[in-house]
Amino acid sequence: VQLVESGGDLVQPGGSLRLSCATSGFTFSRYVMSWYRQAPGKERELVASIATAGGSADYAAAVQGRFSISRDNAKNTVYLQMYALQPEDTAVYYCKAIASWDPLRHYWGQGTQVTVSS
């Protein structure tokens, strides 16, 4: 099983980034996909989740209206489009795959760094 995040970068406040998480080794379409983030000195927090078919998504209050999660089941990839980035969005961003039939079955990626700074 592999989950490989990419797209993290240094960006100025107000900027945009698109993160990708390419996966392999499991049946992607049967897994709920989520993005989490962890800032220095803070606990890892859920940012957004998307259902197996991509029809339903949920967001943390802090990113609602600025971030958009999507998935391409044909490419086994989940995305996080981020707009209007702020310094408080600085964190390592991780993707997580959660089996739709068993929440205890899950996989993590290694993370990608997003830094928002002028």
PDB file of N, CA and C in Angstrom:
ATOM      1  N   VAL A   1       0.858  -1.195   0.000  1.00  0.00           N
ATOM      2  CA  VAL A   1       0.000   0.000   0.000  1.00  0.00           C
ATOM      3  C   VAL A   1       0.891   1.240   0.000  1.00  0.00           C
ATOM      4  N   GLN A   2       0.548   2.165  -0.879  1.00  0.00           N
ATOM      5  CA  GLN A   2       1.280   3.431  -0.913  1.00  0.00           C
ATOM      6  C   GLN A   2       0.322   4.590  -1.084  1.00  0.00           C
ATOM      7  N   LEU A   3       0.574   5.640  -0.324  1.00  0.00           N
ATOM      8  CA  LEU A   3      -0.092   6.912  -0.502  1.00  0.00           C
ATOM      9  C   LEU A   3       1.014   7.954  -0.585  1.00  0.00           C
ATOM     10  N   VAL A   4       1.094   8.649  -1.695  1.00  0.00           N
ATOM     11  CA  VAL A   4       2.181   9.594  -1.927  1.00  0.00           C
ATOM     12  C   VAL A   4       1.603  10.976  -2.197  1.00  0.00           C
ATOM     13  N   GLU A   5       1.796  11.861  -1.222  1.00  0.00           N
ATOM     14  CA  GLU A   5       1.333  13.232  -1.374  1.00  0.00           C
ATOM     15  C   GLU A   5       2.354  14.054  -2.158  1.00  0.00           C
ATOM     16  N   SER A   6       1.864  15.041  -2.854  1.00  0.00           N
ATOM     17  CA  SER A   6       2.734  15.981  -3.560  1.00  0.00           C
ATOM     18  C   SER A   6       2.007  17.307  -3.701  1.00  0.00           C
ATOM     19  N   GLY A   7       2.759  18.326  -4.081  1.00  0.00           N
ATOM     20  CA  GLY A   7       2.170  19.632  -4.332  1.00  0.00           C
ATOM     21  C   GLY A   7       2.431  20.657  -3.246  1.00  0.00           C
ATOM     22  N   GLY A   8       2.974  20.244  -2.116  1.00  0.00           N
ATOM     23  CA  GLY A   8       3.292  21.195  -1.065  1.00  0.00           C
ATOM     24  C   GLY A   8       4.378  22.169  -1.506  1.00  0.00           C
ATOM     25  N   ASP A   9       4.310  23.372  -0.965  1.00  0.00           N
ATOM     26  CA  ASP A   9       5.259  24.407  -1.403  1.00  0.00           C
ATOM     27  C   ASP A   9       5.210  25.575  -0.437  1.00  0.00           C
ATOM     28  N   LEU A  10       6.068  26.537  -0.673  1.00  0.00           N
ATOM     29  CA  LEU A  10       6.035  27.823   0.017  1.00  0.00           C
ATOM     30  C   LEU A  10       5.188  28.763  -0.831  1.00  0.00           C
ATOM     31  N   VAL A  11       4.198  29.379  -0.218  1.00  0.00           N
ATOM     32  CA  VAL A  11       3.297  30.266  -0.949  1.00  0.00           C
ATOM     33  C   VAL A  11       3.013  31.491  -0.100  1.00  0.00           C
ATOM     34  N   GLN A  12       2.755  32.605  -0.761  1.00  0.00           N
ATOM     35  CA  GLN A  12       2.453  33.832  -0.041  1.00  0.00           C
ATOM     36  C   GLN A  12       1.015  33.820   0.450  1.00  0.00           C
ATOM     37  N   PRO A  13       0.717  34.562   1.507  1.00  0.00           N
ATOM     38  CA  PRO A  13      -0.662  34.679   1.967  1.00  0.00           C
ATOM     39  C   PRO A  13      -1.575  35.128   0.832  1.00  0.00           C
ATOM     40  N   GLY A  14      -2.732  34.491   0.762  1.00  0.00           N
ATOM     41  CA  GLY A  14      -3.670  34.762  -0.314  1.00  0.00           C
ATOM     42  C   GLY A  14      -3.477  33.881  -1.529  1.00  0.00           C
ATOM     43  N   GLY A  15      -2.418  33.115  -1.540  1.00  0.00           N
ATOM     44  CA  GLY A  15      -2.117  32.257  -2.681  1.00  0.00           C
ATOM     45  C   GLY A  15      -2.901  30.958  -2.674  1.00  0.00           C
ATOM     46  N   SER A  16      -2.634  30.146  -3.680  1.00  0.00           N
ATOM     47  CA  SER A  16      -3.338  28.880  -3.862  1.00  0.00           C
ATOM     48  C   SER A  16      -2.342  27.749  -4.075  1.00  0.00           C
ATOM     49  N   LEU A  17      -2.773  26.564  -3.716  1.00  0.00           N
ATOM     50  CA  LEU A  17      -2.016  25.348  -3.972  1.00  0.00           C
ATOM     51  C   LEU A  17      -2.989  24.215  -4.221  1.00  0.00           C
ATOM     52  N   ARG A  18      -2.516  23.230  -4.969  1.00  0.00           N
ATOM     53  CA  ARG A  18      -3.284  22.015  -5.171  1.00  0.00           C
ATOM     54  C   ARG A  18      -2.415  20.837  -4.741  1.00  0.00           C
ATOM     55  N   LEU A  19      -2.889  20.120  -3.737  1.00  0.00           N
ATOM     56  CA  LEU A  19      -2.197  18.916  -3.283  1.00  0.00           C
ATOM     57  C   LEU A  19      -2.801  17.696  -3.970  1.00  0.00           C
ATOM     58  N   SER A  20      -1.948  16.709  -4.213  1.00  0.00           N
ATOM     59  CA  SER A  20      -2.383  15.443  -4.771  1.00  0.00           C
ATOM     60  C   SER A  20      -1.917  14.312  -3.871  1.00  0.00           C
ATOM     61  N   CYS A  21      -2.683  13.250  -3.845  1.00  0.00           N
ATOM     62  CA  CYS A  21      -2.303  12.044  -3.119  1.00  0.00           C
ATOM     63  C   CYS A  21      -2.551  10.863  -4.053  1.00  0.00           C
ATOM     64  N   ALA A  22      -1.486  10.329  -4.609  1.00  0.00           N
ATOM     65  CA  ALA A  22      -1.579   9.191  -5.507  1.00  0.00           C
ATOM     66  C   ALA A  22      -1.456   7.909  -4.696  1.00  0.00           C
ATOM     67  N   THR A  23      -2.351   6.974  -4.952  1.00  0.00           N
ATOM     68  CA  THR A  23      -2.389   5.769  -4.129  1.00  0.00           C
ATOM     69  C   THR A  23      -2.242   4.503  -4.967  1.00  0.00           C
ATOM     70  N   SER A  24      -1.863   3.434  -4.306  1.00  0.00           N
ATOM     71  CA  SER A  24      -1.777   2.128  -4.940  1.00  0.00           C
ATOM     72  C   SER A  24      -1.803   1.056  -3.869  1.00  0.00           C
ATOM     73  N   GLY A  25      -2.147  -0.155  -4.293  1.00  0.00           N
ATOM     74  CA  GLY A  25      -2.093  -1.278  -3.375  1.00  0.00           C
ATOM     75  C   GLY A  25      -3.369  -1.591  -2.636  1.00  0.00           C
ATOM     76  N   PHE A  26      -4.432  -0.834  -2.903  1.00  0.00           N
ATOM     77  CA  PHE A  26      -5.727  -1.137  -2.302  1.00  0.00           C
ATOM     78  C   PHE A  26      -6.805  -0.642  -3.251  1.00  0.00           C
ATOM     79  N   THR A  27      -8.034  -1.039  -2.994  1.00  0.00           N
ATOM     80  CA  THR A  27      -9.150  -0.680  -3.874  1.00  0.00           C
ATOM     81  C   THR A  27      -9.627   0.720  -3.523  1.00  0.00           C
ATOM     82  N   PHE A  28      -9.048   1.678  -4.192  1.00  0.00           N
ATOM     83  CA  PHE A  28      -9.250   3.093  -3.871  1.00  0.00           C
ATOM     84  C   PHE A  28     -10.726   3.464  -3.796  1.00  0.00           C
ATOM     85  N   SER A  29     -11.512   2.985  -4.714  1.00  0.00           N
ATOM     86  CA  SER A  29     -12.919   3.388  -4.799  1.00  0.00           C
ATOM     87  C   SER A  29     -13.748   2.920  -3.608  1.00  0.00           C
ATOM     88  N   ARG A  30     -13.220   2.038  -2.794  1.00  0.00           N
ATOM     89  CA  ARG A  30     -13.942   1.541  -1.630  1.00  0.00           C
ATOM     90  C   ARG A  30     -13.519   2.244  -0.339  1.00  0.00           C
ATOM     91  N   TYR A  31     -12.660   3.227  -0.474  1.00  0.00           N
ATOM     92  CA  TYR A  31     -12.133   3.915   0.698  1.00  0.00           C
ATOM     93  C   TYR A  31     -12.572   5.374   0.727  1.00  0.00           C
ATOM     94  N   VAL A  32     -13.005   5.795   1.899  1.00  0.00           N
ATOM     95  CA  VAL A  32     -13.195   7.219   2.145  1.00  0.00           C
ATOM     96  C   VAL A  32     -11.803   7.851   2.223  1.00  0.00           C
ATOM     97  N   MET A  33     -11.657   8.979   1.562  1.00  0.00           N
ATOM     98  CA  MET A  33     -10.351   9.645   1.551  1.00  0.00           C
ATOM     99  C   MET A  33     -10.436  10.955   2.319  1.00  0.00           C
ATOM    100  N   SER A  34      -9.402  11.217   3.085  1.00  0.00           N
ATOM    101  CA  SER A  34      -9.366  12.421   3.909  1.00  0.00           C
ATOM    102  C   SER A  34      -8.013  13.098   3.810  1.00  0.00           C
ATOM    103  N   TRP A  35      -8.036  14.391   4.059  1.00  0.00           N
ATOM    104  CA  TRP A  35      -6.813  15.160   4.249  1.00  0.00           C
ATOM    105  C   TRP A  35      -6.774  15.627   5.701  1.00  0.00           C
ATOM    106  N   TYR A  36      -5.610  15.465   6.305  1.00  0.00           N
ATOM    107  CA  TYR A  36      -5.337  15.963   7.636  1.00  0.00           C
ATOM    108  C   TYR A  36      -4.147  16.919   7.544  1.00  0.00           C
ATOM    109  N   ARG A  37      -3.956  17.678   8.598  1.00  0.00           N
ATOM    110  CA  ARG A  37      -2.762  18.509   8.664  1.00  0.00           C
ATOM    111  C   ARG A  37      -2.268  18.576  10.105  1.00  0.00           C
ATOM    112  N   GLN A  38      -0.970  18.818  10.218  1.00  0.00           N
ATOM    113  CA  GLN A  38      -0.363  18.943  11.538  1.00  0.00           C
ATOM    114  C   GLN A  38       0.641  20.088  11.507  1.00  0.00           C
ATOM    115  N   ALA A  39       0.332  21.103  12.292  1.00  0.00           N
ATOM    116  CA  ALA A  39       1.228  22.242  12.423  1.00  0.00           C
ATOM    117  C   ALA A  39       2.221  21.965  13.555  1.00  0.00           C
ATOM    118  N   PRO A  40       3.353  22.643  13.556  1.00  0.00           N
ATOM    119  CA  PRO A  40       4.349  22.428  14.611  1.00  0.00           C
ATOM    120  C   PRO A  40       3.757  22.655  15.993  1.00  0.00           C
ATOM    121  N   GLY A  41       3.954  21.702  16.869  1.00  0.00           N
ATOM    122  CA  GLY A  41       3.486  21.832  18.229  1.00  0.00           C
ATOM    123  C   GLY A  41       2.003  21.586  18.427  1.00  0.00           C
ATOM    124  N   LYS A  42       1.312  21.193  17.357  1.00  0.00           N
ATOM    125  CA  LYS A  42      -0.133  20.966  17.440  1.00  0.00           C
ATOM    126  C   LYS A  42      -0.471  19.533  17.057  1.00  0.00           C
ATOM    127  N   GLU A  43      -1.672  19.126  17.448  1.00  0.00           N
ATOM    128  CA  GLU A  43      -2.135  17.798  17.093  1.00  0.00           C
ATOM    129  C   GLU A  43      -2.574  17.765  15.624  1.00  0.00           C
ATOM    130  N   ARG A  44      -2.528  16.588  15.069  1.00  0.00           N
ATOM    131  CA  ARG A  44      -3.020  16.409  13.710  1.00  0.00           C
ATOM    132  C   ARG A  44      -4.524  16.622  13.689  1.00  0.00           C
ATOM    133  N   GLU A  45      -5.006  17.352  12.680  1.00  0.00           N
ATOM    134  CA  GLU A  45      -6.431  17.654  12.614  1.00  0.00           C
ATOM    135  C   GLU A  45      -6.991  17.328  11.245  1.00  0.00           C
ATOM    136  N   LEU A  46      -8.251  16.961  11.241  1.00  0.00           N
ATOM    137  CA  LEU A  46      -8.948  16.648   9.995  1.00  0.00           C
ATOM    138  C   LEU A  46      -9.261  17.936   9.247  1.00  0.00           C
ATOM    139  N   VAL A  47      -8.949  17.945   7.968  1.00  0.00           N
ATOM    140  CA  VAL A  47      -9.214  19.111   7.125  1.00  0.00           C
ATOM    141  C   VAL A  47     -10.444  18.886   6.252  1.00  0.00           C
ATOM    142  N   ALA A  48     -10.482  17.741   5.586  1.00  0.00           N
ATOM    143  CA  ALA A  48     -11.586  17.465   4.669  1.00  0.00           C
ATOM    144  C   ALA A  48     -11.667  15.972   4.405  1.00  0.00           C
ATOM    145  N   SER A  49     -12.876  15.513   4.100  1.00  0.00           N
ATOM    146  CA  SER A  49     -13.103  14.115   3.750  1.00  0.00           C
ATOM    147  C   SER A  49     -14.039  14.052   2.561  1.00  0.00           C
ATOM    148  N   ILE A  50     -13.899  12.984   1.780  1.00  0.00           N
ATOM    149  CA  ILE A  50     -14.760  12.801   0.631  1.00  0.00           C
ATOM    150  C   ILE A  50     -15.192  11.347   0.560  1.00  0.00           C
ATOM    151  N   ALA A  51     -16.451  11.130   0.251  1.00  0.00           N
ATOM    152  CA  ALA A  51     -17.024   9.792   0.200  1.00  0.00           C
ATOM    153  C   ALA A  51     -16.442   8.991  -0.965  1.00  0.00           C
ATOM    154  N   THR A  52     -16.719   7.698  -0.941  1.00  0.00           N
ATOM    155  CA  THR A  52     -16.117   6.799  -1.916  1.00  0.00           C
ATOM    156  C   THR A  52     -16.423   7.188  -3.361  1.00  0.00           C
ATOM    157  N   ALA A  53     -17.649   7.589  -3.627  1.00  0.00           N
ATOM    158  CA  ALA A  53     -18.021   7.958  -4.991  1.00  0.00           C
ATOM    159  C   ALA A  53     -17.785   9.424  -5.286  1.00  0.00           C
ATOM    160  N   GLY A  54     -17.370  10.163  -4.283  1.00  0.00           N
ATOM    161  CA  GLY A  54     -17.060  11.566  -4.493  1.00  0.00           C
ATOM    162  C   GLY A  54     -18.244  12.501  -4.429  1.00  0.00           C
ATOM    163  N   GLY A  55     -19.412  11.980  -4.086  1.00  0.00           N
ATOM    164  CA  GLY A  55     -20.591  12.834  -4.100  1.00  0.00           C
ATOM    165  C   GLY A  55     -20.794  13.652  -2.851  1.00  0.00           C
ATOM    166  N   SER A  56     -20.093  13.329  -1.782  1.00  0.00           N
ATOM    167  CA  SER A  56     -20.283  14.006  -0.510  1.00  0.00           C
ATOM    168  C   SER A  56     -18.932  14.348   0.093  1.00  0.00           C
ATOM    169  N   ALA A  57     -18.805  15.570   0.578  1.00  0.00           N
ATOM    170  CA  ALA A  57     -17.556  16.011   1.192  1.00  0.00           C
ATOM    171  C   ALA A  57     -17.851  16.814   2.446  1.00  0.00           C
ATOM    172  N   ASP A  58     -16.938  16.755   3.386  1.00  0.00           N
ATOM    173  CA  ASP A  58     -17.054  17.520   4.625  1.00  0.00           C
ATOM    174  C   ASP A  58     -15.756  18.268   4.869  1.00  0.00           C
ATOM    175  N   TYR A  59     -15.879  19.425   5.530  1.00  0.00           N
ATOM    176  CA  TYR A  59     -14.728  20.270   5.751  1.00  0.00           C
ATOM    177  C   TYR A  59     -14.679  20.758   7.196  1.00  0.00           C
ATOM    178  N   ALA A  60     -13.474  20.966   7.666  1.00  0.00           N
ATOM    179  CA  ALA A  60     -13.302  21.637   8.948  1.00  0.00           C
ATOM    180  C   ALA A  60     -13.760  23.079   8.796  1.00  0.00           C
ATOM    181  N   ALA A  61     -14.257  23.635   9.874  1.00  0.00           N
ATOM    182  CA  ALA A  61     -14.771  25.006   9.845  1.00  0.00           C
ATOM    183  C   ALA A  61     -13.693  25.991   9.382  1.00  0.00           C
ATOM    184  N   ALA A  62     -12.446  25.715   9.759  1.00  0.00           N
ATOM    185  CA  ALA A  62     -11.357  26.650   9.452  1.00  0.00           C
ATOM    186  C   ALA A  62     -11.055  26.762   7.964  1.00  0.00           C
ATOM    187  N   VAL A  63     -11.475  25.758   7.181  1.00  0.00           N
ATOM    188  CA  VAL A  63     -11.147  25.769   5.754  1.00  0.00           C
ATOM    189  C   VAL A  63     -12.390  25.823   4.874  1.00  0.00           C
ATOM    190  N   GLN A  64     -13.557  25.742   5.478  1.00  0.00           N
ATOM    191  CA  GLN A  64     -14.812  25.774   4.719  1.00  0.00           C
ATOM    192  C   GLN A  64     -14.860  26.997   3.814  1.00  0.00           C
ATOM    193  N   GLY A  65     -15.152  26.771   2.551  1.00  0.00           N
ATOM    194  CA  GLY A  65     -15.241  27.872   1.603  1.00  0.00           C
ATOM    195  C   GLY A  65     -13.924  28.246   0.952  1.00  0.00           C
ATOM    196  N   ARG A  66     -12.805  27.727   1.477  1.00  0.00           N
ATOM    197  CA  ARG A  66     -11.492  28.032   0.893  1.00  0.00           C
ATOM    198  C   ARG A  66     -10.833  26.800   0.280  1.00  0.00           C
ATOM    199  N   PHE A  67     -11.126  25.634   0.825  1.00  0.00           N
ATOM    200  CA  PHE A  67     -10.528  24.379   0.357  1.00  0.00           C
ATOM    201  C   PHE A  67     -11.599  23.539  -0.316  1.00  0.00           C
ATOM    202  N   SER A  68     -11.143  22.730  -1.274  1.00  0.00           N
ATOM    203  CA  SER A  68     -12.055  21.824  -1.964  1.00  0.00           C
ATOM    204  C   SER A  68     -11.364  20.477  -2.164  1.00  0.00           C
ATOM    205  N   ILE A  69     -12.016  19.421  -1.696  1.00  0.00           N
ATOM    206  CA  ILE A  69     -11.480  18.078  -1.855  1.00  0.00           C
ATOM    207  C   ILE A  69     -12.187  17.406  -3.025  1.00  0.00           C
ATOM    208  N   SER A  70     -11.442  16.646  -3.797  1.00  0.00           N
ATOM    209  CA  SER A  70     -12.024  15.904  -4.910  1.00  0.00           C
ATOM    210  C   SER A  70     -11.230  14.617  -5.098  1.00  0.00           C
ATOM    211  N   ARG A  71     -11.780  13.713  -5.884  1.00  0.00           N
ATOM    212  CA  ARG A  71     -11.101  12.456  -6.131  1.00  0.00           C
ATOM    213  C   ARG A  71     -11.358  11.996  -7.551  1.00  0.00           C
ATOM    214  N   ASP A  72     -10.416  11.230  -8.056  1.00  0.00           N
ATOM    215  CA  ASP A  72     -10.545  10.620  -9.370  1.00  0.00           C
ATOM    216  C   ASP A  72     -10.337   9.126  -9.172  1.00  0.00           C
ATOM    217  N   ASN A  73     -11.411   8.380  -9.135  1.00  0.00           N
ATOM    218  CA  ASN A  73     -11.320   6.948  -8.860  1.00  0.00           C
ATOM    219  C   ASN A  73     -10.633   6.186  -9.996  1.00  0.00           C
ATOM    220  N   ALA A  74     -10.629   6.746 -11.179  1.00  0.00           N
ATOM    221  CA  ALA A  74      -9.940   6.106 -12.295  1.00  0.00           C
ATOM    222  C   ALA A  74      -8.417   6.241 -12.162  1.00  0.00           C
ATOM    223  N   LYS A  75      -7.991   7.291 -11.467  1.00  0.00           N
ATOM    224  CA  LYS A  75      -6.555   7.534 -11.276  1.00  0.00           C
ATOM    225  C   LYS A  75      -6.082   7.198  -9.868  1.00  0.00           C
ATOM    226  N   ASN A  76      -7.020   6.726  -9.014  1.00  0.00           N
ATOM    227  CA  ASN A  76      -6.669   6.380  -7.626  1.00  0.00           C
ATOM    228  C   ASN A  76      -5.987   7.541  -6.912  1.00  0.00           C
ATOM    229  N   THR A  77      -6.528   8.718  -7.122  1.00  0.00           N
ATOM    230  CA  THR A  77      -5.893   9.933  -6.608  1.00  0.00           C
ATOM    231  C   THR A  77      -6.943  10.837  -5.960  1.00  0.00           C
ATOM    232  N   VAL A  78      -6.560  11.441  -4.867  1.00  0.00           N
ATOM    233  CA  VAL A  78      -7.398  12.435  -4.201  1.00  0.00           C
ATOM    234  C   VAL A  78      -6.639  13.758  -4.209  1.00  0.00           C
ATOM    235  N   TYR A  79      -7.399  14.839  -4.295  1.00  0.00           N
ATOM    236  CA  TYR A  79      -6.826  16.173  -4.411  1.00  0.00           C
ATOM    237  C   TYR A  79      -7.353  17.081  -3.305  1.00  0.00           C
ATOM    238  N   LEU A  80      -6.582  18.100  -3.010  1.00  0.00           N
ATOM    239  CA  LEU A  80      -7.039  19.160  -2.117  1.00  0.00           C
ATOM    240  C   LEU A  80      -6.644  20.485  -2.752  1.00  0.00           C
ATOM    241  N   GLN A  81      -7.650  21.187  -3.255  1.00  0.00           N
ATOM    242  CA  GLN A  81      -7.426  22.514  -3.819  1.00  0.00           C
ATOM    243  C   GLN A  81      -7.586  23.531  -2.693  1.00  0.00           C
ATOM    244  N   MET A  82      -6.570  24.351  -2.530  1.00  0.00           N
ATOM    245  CA  MET A  82      -6.560  25.310  -1.433  1.00  0.00           C
ATOM    246  C   MET A  82      -6.450  26.723  -1.992  1.00  0.00           C
ATOM    247  N   TYR A  83      -7.381  27.570  -1.588  1.00  0.00           N
ATOM    248  CA  TYR A  83      -7.396  28.975  -1.994  1.00  0.00           C
ATOM    249  C   TYR A  83      -7.251  29.862  -0.762  1.00  0.00           C
ATOM    250  N   ALA A  84      -6.915  31.117  -1.014  1.00  0.00           N
ATOM    251  CA  ALA A  84      -6.858  32.123   0.052  1.00  0.00           C
ATOM    252  C   ALA A  84      -6.071  31.619   1.250  1.00  0.00           C
ATOM    253  N   LEU A  85      -4.911  31.065   0.984  1.00  0.00           N
ATOM    254  CA  LEU A  85      -4.104  30.484   2.057  1.00  0.00           C
ATOM    255  C   LEU A  85      -3.620  31.554   3.024  1.00  0.00           C
ATOM    256  N   GLN A  86      -3.591  31.173   4.292  1.00  0.00           N
ATOM    257  CA  GLN A  86      -3.175  32.059   5.368  1.00  0.00           C
ATOM    258  C   GLN A  86      -2.043  31.414   6.146  1.00  0.00           C
ATOM    259  N   PRO A  87      -1.268  32.206   6.868  1.00  0.00           N
ATOM    260  CA  PRO A  87      -0.154  31.627   7.635  1.00  0.00           C
ATOM    261  C   PRO A  87      -0.585  30.493   8.558  1.00  0.00           C
ATOM    262  N   GLU A  88      -1.790  30.566   9.072  1.00  0.00           N
ATOM    263  CA  GLU A  88      -2.264  29.507   9.968  1.00  0.00           C
ATOM    264  C   GLU A  88      -2.553  28.205   9.243  1.00  0.00           C
ATOM    265  N   ASP A  89      -2.497  28.208   7.928  1.00  0.00           N
ATOM    266  CA  ASP A  89      -2.633  26.972   7.154  1.00  0.00           C
ATOM    267  C   ASP A  89      -1.300  26.238   7.023  1.00  0.00           C
ATOM    268  N   THR A  90      -0.245  26.849   7.495  1.00  0.00           N
ATOM    269  CA  THR A  90       1.069  26.205   7.444  1.00  0.00           C
ATOM    270  C   THR A  90       1.068  24.925   8.262  1.00  0.00           C
ATOM    271  N   ALA A  91       1.442  23.831   7.616  1.00  0.00           N
ATOM    272  CA  ALA A  91       1.418  22.519   8.270  1.00  0.00           C
ATOM    273  C   ALA A  91       1.947  21.470   7.304  1.00  0.00           C
ATOM    274  N   VAL A  92       2.166  20.292   7.836  1.00  0.00           N
ATOM    275  CA  VAL A  92       2.363  19.124   6.984  1.00  0.00           C
ATOM    276  C   VAL A  92       0.981  18.539   6.710  1.00  0.00           C
ATOM    277  N   TYR A  93       0.681  18.320   5.460  1.00  0.00           N
ATOM    278  CA  TYR A  93      -0.612  17.799   5.048  1.00  0.00           C
ATOM    279  C   TYR A  93      -0.481  16.320   4.689  1.00  0.00           C
ATOM    280  N   TYR A  94      -1.373  15.530   5.259  1.00  0.00           N
ATOM    281  CA  TYR A  94      -1.349  14.080   5.067  1.00  0.00           C
ATOM    282  C   TYR A  94      -2.655  13.623   4.442  1.00  0.00           C
ATOM    283  N   CYS A  95      -2.592  12.633   3.590  1.00  0.00           N
ATOM    284  CA  CYS A  95      -3.826  11.997   3.160  1.00  0.00           C
ATOM    285  C   CYS A  95      -3.994  10.669   3.894  1.00  0.00           C
ATOM    286  N   LYS A  96      -5.236  10.292   4.054  1.00  0.00           N
ATOM    287  CA  LYS A  96      -5.584   9.081   4.790  1.00  0.00           C
ATOM    288  C   LYS A  96      -6.682   8.352   4.046  1.00  0.00           C
ATOM    289  N   ALA A  97      -6.524   7.066   3.935  1.00  0.00           N
ATOM    290  CA  ALA A  97      -7.530   6.213   3.319  1.00  0.00           C
ATOM    291  C   ALA A  97      -8.191   5.382   4.413  1.00  0.00           C
ATOM    292  N   ILE A  98      -9.514   5.403   4.466  1.00  0.00           N
ATOM    293  CA  ILE A  98     -10.270   4.686   5.498  1.00  0.00           C
ATOM    294  C   ILE A  98     -11.250   3.753   4.809  1.00  0.00           C
ATOM    295  N   ALA A  99     -11.150   2.466   5.130  1.00  0.00           N
ATOM    296  CA  ALA A  99     -12.051   1.503   4.511  1.00  0.00           C
ATOM    297  C   ALA A  99     -13.496   1.844   4.855  1.00  0.00           C
ATOM    298  N   SER A 100     -14.350   1.872   3.872  1.00  0.00           N
ATOM    299  CA  SER A 100     -15.742   2.264   4.082  1.00  0.00           C
ATOM    300  C   SER A 100     -16.492   1.260   4.938  1.00  0.00           C
ATOM    301  N   TRP A 101     -16.049   0.009   4.988  1.00  0.00           N
ATOM    302  CA  TRP A 101     -16.715  -1.030   5.758  1.00  0.00           C
ATOM    303  C   TRP A 101     -16.068  -1.265   7.114  1.00  0.00           C
ATOM    304  N   ASP A 102     -14.910  -0.658   7.367  1.00  0.00           N
ATOM    305  CA  ASP A 102     -14.184  -0.896   8.612  1.00  0.00           C
ATOM    306  C   ASP A 102     -13.285   0.304   8.905  1.00  0.00           C
ATOM    307  N   PRO A 103     -13.743   1.249   9.712  1.00  0.00           N
ATOM    308  CA  PRO A 103     -12.952   2.452   9.998  1.00  0.00           C
ATOM    309  C   PRO A 103     -11.607   2.168  10.655  1.00  0.00           C
ATOM    310  N   LEU A 104     -11.462   0.974  11.206  1.00  0.00           N
ATOM    311  CA  LEU A 104     -10.184   0.633  11.834  1.00  0.00           C
ATOM    312  C   LEU A 104      -9.127   0.262  10.799  1.00  0.00           C
ATOM    313  N   ARG A 105      -9.545   0.025   9.564  1.00  0.00           N
ATOM    314  CA  ARG A 105      -8.612  -0.262   8.487  1.00  0.00           C
ATOM    315  C   ARG A 105      -8.326   1.038   7.772  1.00  0.00           C
ATOM    316  N   HIS A 106      -7.113   1.532   7.928  1.00  0.00           N
ATOM    317  CA  HIS A 106      -6.760   2.794   7.312  1.00  0.00           C
ATOM    318  C   HIS A 106      -5.277   2.859   6.990  1.00  0.00           C
ATOM    319  N   TYR A 107      -4.946   3.753   6.082  1.00  0.00           N
ATOM    320  CA  TYR A 107      -3.575   3.945   5.651  1.00  0.00           C
ATOM    321  C   TYR A 107      -3.269   5.434   5.578  1.00  0.00           C
ATOM    322  N   TRP A 108      -2.022   5.779   5.862  1.00  0.00           N
ATOM    323  CA  TRP A 108      -1.568   7.163   5.851  1.00  0.00           C
ATOM    324  C   TRP A 108      -0.482   7.353   4.790  1.00  0.00           C
ATOM    325  N   GLY A 109      -0.428   8.556   4.260  1.00  0.00           N
ATOM    326  CA  GLY A 109       0.700   8.967   3.449  1.00  0.00           C
ATOM    327  C   GLY A 109       1.786   9.560   4.325  1.00  0.00           C
ATOM    328  N   GLN A 110       2.873   9.971   3.686  1.00  0.00           N
ATOM    329  CA  GLN A 110       4.036  10.462   4.434  1.00  0.00           C
ATOM    330  C   GLN A 110       3.990  11.964   4.663  1.00  0.00           C
ATOM    331  N   GLY A 111       3.091  12.646   3.987  1.00  0.00           N
ATOM    332  CA  GLY A 111       2.917  14.076   4.204  1.00  0.00           C
ATOM    333  C   GLY A 111       3.647  14.948   3.203  1.00  0.00           C
ATOM    334  N   THR A 112       3.126  16.154   3.043  1.00  0.00           N
ATOM    335  CA  THR A 112       3.762  17.161   2.193  1.00  0.00           C
ATOM    336  C   THR A 112       3.667  18.506   2.904  1.00  0.00           C
ATOM    337  N   GLN A 113       4.751  19.259   2.881  1.00  0.00           N
ATOM    338  CA  GLN A 113       4.825  20.504   3.645  1.00  0.00           C
ATOM    339  C   GLN A 113       4.197  21.654   2.872  1.00  0.00           C
ATOM    340  N   VAL A 114       3.306  22.357   3.541  1.00  0.00           N
ATOM    341  CA  VAL A 114       2.743  23.603   3.016  1.00  0.00           C
ATOM    342  C   VAL A 114       3.152  24.726   3.959  1.00  0.00           C
ATOM    343  N   THR A 115       3.797  25.723   3.411  1.00  0.00           N
ATOM    344  CA  THR A 115       4.221  26.870   4.206  1.00  0.00           C
ATOM    345  C   THR A 115       3.657  28.134   3.579  1.00  0.00           C
ATOM    346  N   VAL A 116       2.923  28.884   4.382  1.00  0.00           N
ATOM    347  CA  VAL A 116       2.323  30.136   3.915  1.00  0.00           C
ATOM    348  C   VAL A 116       3.025  31.275   4.635  1.00  0.00           C
ATOM    349  N   SER A 117       3.771  32.036   3.873  1.00  0.00           N
ATOM    350  CA  SER A 117       4.576  33.099   4.472  1.00  0.00           C
ATOM    351  C   SER A 117       4.952  34.121   3.413  1.00  0.00           C
ATOM    352  N   SER A 118       5.056  35.368   3.857  1.00  0.00           N
ATOM    353  CA  SER A 118       5.512  36.427   2.951  1.00  0.00           C
ATOM    354  C   SER A 118       7.021  36.604   3.053  1.00  0.00           C
TER     355      SER A 118
END
